[in-house]
């Protein structure tokens, strides 16, 4: 399956040519303020809305739910932001996650995702890979 992003066709899911070191630097620059320098999330109680009614930024380490999602959801959530990604799925959801399409290139987003995934155990990466495959099959319908 192919998807259109940034005006160019790319294969579904994370490309093979990612730069984990660049992803780590980009994560530190663009993501760590909310998701934590060590991927630990914004607060310990990230599952409960804050005073503003929004859920805090979740951890991207194995204690969070990032690994529960396939590659394309992770990509579009980063590219378009939470509210827009979920709106395209027919869900109305107020999200504090902004879109980064005007800030990061598609490749930079994939590099960040690859960095995050590189911190997970082999078992967690395997589970997330299965979820990516299921996501691909669902999109192929």
C-alpha atoms as a PDB file:
ATOM      1  CA  UNK A   1       0.000   0.000   0.000  1.00  0.00           C
ATOM      2  CA  UNK A   2       1.154   3.527  -0.706  1.00  0.00           C
ATOM      3  CA  UNK A   3       0.243   6.789   0.944  1.00  0.00           C
ATOM      4  CA  UNK A   4       0.768  10.373  -0.113  1.00  0.00           C
ATOM      5  CA  UNK A   5       2.646  12.653   2.226  1.00  0.00           C
ATOM      6  CA  UNK A   6       4.567  15.798   1.536  1.00  0.00           C
ATOM      7  CA  UNK A   7       3.522  15.465  -2.107  1.00  0.00           C
ATOM      8  CA  UNK A   8       5.443  12.232  -2.661  1.00  0.00           C
ATOM      9  CA  UNK A   9       4.378   8.608  -2.580  1.00  0.00           C
ATOM     10  CA  UNK A  10       6.002   6.482   0.100  1.00  0.00           C
ATOM     11  CA  UNK A  11       5.568   2.899   1.181  1.00  0.00           C
ATOM     12  CA  UNK A  12       3.249   2.159   4.073  1.00  0.00           C
ATOM     13  CA  UNK A  13       5.138   2.148   7.347  1.00  0.00           C
ATOM     14  CA  UNK A  14       8.588   3.129   8.448  1.00  0.00           C
ATOM     15  CA  UNK A  15      11.113   3.337   5.614  1.00  0.00           C
ATOM     16  CA  UNK A  16      14.286   1.267   5.814  1.00  0.00           C
ATOM     17  CA  UNK A  17      16.552   4.305   5.575  1.00  0.00           C
ATOM     18  CA  UNK A  18      16.163   5.949   8.976  1.00  0.00           C
ATOM     19  CA  UNK A  19      18.782   7.734  11.044  1.00  0.00           C
ATOM     20  CA  UNK A  20      18.337   6.898  14.730  1.00  0.00           C
ATOM     21  CA  UNK A  21      20.998   9.380  15.881  1.00  0.00           C
ATOM     22  CA  UNK A  22      19.339  12.193  13.944  1.00  0.00           C
ATOM     23  CA  UNK A  23      16.013  11.035  15.400  1.00  0.00           C
ATOM     24  CA  UNK A  24      17.426  11.272  18.928  1.00  0.00           C
ATOM     25  CA  UNK A  25      18.594  14.845  18.299  1.00  0.00           C
ATOM     26  CA  UNK A  26      15.259  15.802  16.733  1.00  0.00           C
ATOM     27  CA  UNK A  27      13.380  14.187  19.622  1.00  0.00           C
ATOM     28  CA  UNK A  28      15.441  16.224  22.108  1.00  0.00           C
ATOM     29  CA  UNK A  29      14.709  19.413  20.161  1.00  0.00           C
ATOM     30  CA  UNK A  30      11.015  18.963  19.365  1.00  0.00           C
ATOM     31  CA  UNK A  31       9.511  16.309  21.662  1.00  0.00           C
ATOM     32  CA  UNK A  32      11.358  16.115  24.973  1.00  0.00           C
ATOM     33  CA  UNK A  33       9.769  19.249  26.469  1.00  0.00           C
ATOM     34  CA  UNK A  34       6.416  17.435  26.593  1.00  0.00           C
ATOM     35  CA  UNK A  35       7.235  13.727  26.356  1.00  0.00           C
ATOM     36  CA  UNK A  36      10.297  13.850  28.608  1.00  0.00           C
ATOM     37  CA  UNK A  37      14.019  13.720  27.935  1.00  0.00           C
ATOM     38  CA  UNK A  38      13.969  10.027  28.828  1.00  0.00           C
ATOM     39  CA  UNK A  39      10.655   9.336  27.040  1.00  0.00           C
ATOM     40  CA  UNK A  40       8.935   9.203  30.452  1.00  0.00           C
ATOM     41  CA  UNK A  41       5.960  11.430  29.579  1.00  0.00           C
ATOM     42  CA  UNK A  42       4.725  14.743  30.875  1.00  0.00           C
ATOM     43  CA  UNK A  43       3.417  13.508  34.221  1.00  0.00           C
ATOM     44  CA  UNK A  44       3.199  10.243  36.091  1.00  0.00           C
ATOM     45  CA  UNK A  45      -0.593  10.409  35.811  1.00  0.00           C
ATOM     46  CA  UNK A  46      -0.650  10.806  32.037  1.00  0.00           C
ATOM     47  CA  UNK A  47      -3.945   8.912  31.695  1.00  0.00           C
ATOM     48  CA  UNK A  48      -5.954  11.604  33.515  1.00  0.00           C
ATOM     49  CA  UNK A  49      -6.811  14.979  31.984  1.00  0.00           C
ATOM     50  CA  UNK A  50      -5.073  18.035  33.355  1.00  0.00           C
ATOM     51  CA  UNK A  51      -6.764  21.221  34.525  1.00  0.00           C
ATOM     52  CA  UNK A  52      -7.132  22.271  30.887  1.00  0.00           C
ATOM     53  CA  UNK A  53      -9.131  19.108  30.150  1.00  0.00           C
ATOM     54  CA  UNK A  54      -6.412  17.678  27.914  1.00  0.00           C
ATOM     55  CA  UNK A  55      -4.533  14.479  28.499  1.00  0.00           C
ATOM     56  CA  UNK A  56      -0.855  15.079  29.299  1.00  0.00           C
ATOM     57  CA  UNK A  57       1.756  13.940  26.801  1.00  0.00           C
ATOM     58  CA  UNK A  58       2.179  10.186  27.307  1.00  0.00           C
ATOM     59  CA  UNK A  59       5.481   8.395  27.750  1.00  0.00           C
ATOM     60  CA  UNK A  60       7.087   6.918  24.662  1.00  0.00           C
ATOM     61  CA  UNK A  61       9.006   4.341  26.663  1.00  0.00           C
ATOM     62  CA  UNK A  62       7.549   0.914  27.319  1.00  0.00           C
ATOM     63  CA  UNK A  63       5.378   2.210  30.189  1.00  0.00           C
ATOM     64  CA  UNK A  64       3.273   4.199  27.730  1.00  0.00           C
ATOM     65  CA  UNK A  65       1.015   3.194  24.882  1.00  0.00           C
ATOM     66  CA  UNK A  66       3.012   4.372  21.869  1.00  0.00           C
ATOM     67  CA  UNK A  67       4.058   0.819  21.080  1.00  0.00           C
ATOM     68  CA  UNK A  68       0.381  -0.204  21.015  1.00  0.00           C
ATOM     69  CA  UNK A  69      -0.031   1.636  17.704  1.00  0.00           C
ATOM     70  CA  UNK A  70       1.070   0.879  14.168  1.00  0.00           C
ATOM     71  CA  UNK A  71       3.625   2.960  12.299  1.00  0.00           C
ATOM     72  CA  UNK A  72       1.150   4.965  10.237  1.00  0.00           C
ATOM     73  CA  UNK A  73      -0.848   6.116  13.247  1.00  0.00           C
ATOM     74  CA  UNK A  74       2.388   7.212  14.922  1.00  0.00           C
ATOM     75  CA  UNK A  75       3.445   9.021  11.759  1.00  0.00           C
ATOM     76  CA  UNK A  76       0.152  10.801  11.107  1.00  0.00           C
ATOM     77  CA  UNK A  77      -0.282  11.702  14.780  1.00  0.00           C
ATOM     78  CA  UNK A  78       3.081  13.448  14.601  1.00  0.00           C
ATOM     79  CA  UNK A  79       2.559  14.950  11.161  1.00  0.00           C
ATOM     80  CA  UNK A  80      -1.046  16.146  11.522  1.00  0.00           C
ATOM     81  CA  UNK A  81      -1.487  16.313  15.289  1.00  0.00           C
ATOM     82  CA  UNK A  82      -3.834  14.362  17.499  1.00  0.00           C
ATOM     83  CA  UNK A  83      -7.135  16.088  16.764  1.00  0.00           C
ATOM     84  CA  UNK A  84      -6.719  16.012  12.972  1.00  0.00           C
ATOM     85  CA  UNK A  85      -5.522  12.398  12.904  1.00  0.00           C
ATOM     86  CA  UNK A  86      -8.489  11.223  14.943  1.00  0.00           C
ATOM     87  CA  UNK A  87     -10.921  13.438  13.016  1.00  0.00           C
ATOM     88  CA  UNK A  88      -9.846  11.634   9.844  1.00  0.00           C
ATOM     89  CA  UNK A  89     -10.885   8.421  11.600  1.00  0.00           C
ATOM     90  CA  UNK A  90     -14.270   9.878  12.462  1.00  0.00           C
ATOM     91  CA  UNK A  91     -13.449  10.612  16.102  1.00  0.00           C
ATOM     92  CA  UNK A  92     -13.846  13.981  17.739  1.00  0.00           C
ATOM     93  CA  UNK A  93     -11.049  14.382  20.270  1.00  0.00           C
ATOM     94  CA  UNK A  94      -9.409  17.421  21.780  1.00  0.00           C
ATOM     95  CA  UNK A  95      -5.682  16.784  21.826  1.00  0.00           C
ATOM     96  CA  UNK A  96      -2.712  18.748  23.041  1.00  0.00           C
ATOM     97  CA  UNK A  97      -0.514  17.120  20.376  1.00  0.00           C
ATOM     98  CA  UNK A  98       0.191  19.654  17.627  1.00  0.00           C
ATOM     99  CA  UNK A  99       0.969  18.712  14.060  1.00  0.00           C
ATOM    100  CA  UNK A 100       4.561  19.043  12.913  1.00  0.00           C
ATOM    101  CA  UNK A 101       4.092  19.004   9.132  1.00  0.00           C
ATOM    102  CA  UNK A 102       5.312  22.609   8.898  1.00  0.00           C
ATOM    103  CA  UNK A 103       8.279  21.940  11.186  1.00  0.00           C
ATOM    104  CA  UNK A 104       9.564  18.446  10.380  1.00  0.00           C
ATOM    105  CA  UNK A 105      10.000  16.665   7.075  1.00  0.00           C
ATOM    106  CA  UNK A 106       8.522  13.214   6.608  1.00  0.00           C
ATOM    107  CA  UNK A 107      12.002  11.717   6.929  1.00  0.00           C
ATOM    108  CA  UNK A 108      12.635  13.604  10.169  1.00  0.00           C
ATOM    109  CA  UNK A 109       9.368  12.272  11.602  1.00  0.00           C
ATOM    110  CA  UNK A 110      10.386   8.721  10.648  1.00  0.00           C
ATOM    111  CA  UNK A 111      13.802   9.289  12.234  1.00  0.00           C
ATOM    112  CA  UNK A 112      12.131  10.324  15.505  1.00  0.00           C
ATOM    113  CA  UNK A 113       9.836   7.303  15.436  1.00  0.00           C
ATOM    114  CA  UNK A 114      12.822   5.042  14.718  1.00  0.00           C
ATOM    115  CA  UNK A 115      14.691   6.548  17.675  1.00  0.00           C
ATOM    116  CA  UNK A 116      11.732   5.956  19.991  1.00  0.00           C
ATOM    117  CA  UNK A 117      11.338   2.380  18.770  1.00  0.00           C
ATOM    118  CA  UNK A 118      15.089   1.768  19.219  1.00  0.00           C
ATOM    119  CA  UNK A 119      14.676   2.224  22.978  1.00  0.00           C
ATOM    120  CA  UNK A 120      12.137  -0.596  23.285  1.00  0.00           C
ATOM    121  CA  UNK A 121      12.933  -4.221  24.007  1.00  0.00           C
ATOM    122  CA  UNK A 122      12.968  -6.737  21.169  1.00  0.00           C
ATOM    123  CA  UNK A 123       9.679  -8.158  22.447  1.00  0.00           C
ATOM    124  CA  UNK A 124       7.975  -4.757  22.446  1.00  0.00           C
ATOM    125  CA  UNK A 125       9.271  -3.996  18.942  1.00  0.00           C
ATOM    126  CA  UNK A 126       7.909  -7.363  17.770  1.00  0.00           C
ATOM    127  CA  UNK A 127       4.463  -6.612  19.226  1.00  0.00           C
ATOM    128  CA  UNK A 128       4.444  -3.155  17.640  1.00  0.00           C
ATOM    129  CA  UNK A 129       5.490  -4.668  14.307  1.00  0.00           C
ATOM    130  CA  UNK A 130       2.500  -7.026  14.428  1.00  0.00           C
ATOM    131  CA  UNK A 131       0.269  -4.025  15.075  1.00  0.00           C
ATOM    132  CA  UNK A 132       1.777  -2.259  12.077  1.00  0.00           C
ATOM    133  CA  UNK A 133       1.037  -5.309   9.925  1.00  0.00           C
ATOM    134  CA  UNK A 134      -2.575  -5.360  11.161  1.00  0.00           C
ATOM    135  CA  UNK A 135      -2.832  -1.646  10.412  1.00  0.00           C
ATOM    136  CA  UNK A 136      -1.571  -2.272   6.878  1.00  0.00           C
ATOM    137  CA  UNK A 137      -4.147  -5.021   6.330  1.00  0.00           C
ATOM    138  CA  UNK A 138      -6.944  -2.825   7.656  1.00  0.00           C
ATOM    139  CA  UNK A 139      -5.942   0.034   5.354  1.00  0.00           C
ATOM    140  CA  UNK A 140      -5.860  -2.361   2.415  1.00  0.00           C
ATOM    141  CA  UNK A 141      -9.614  -2.990   2.738  1.00  0.00           C
END
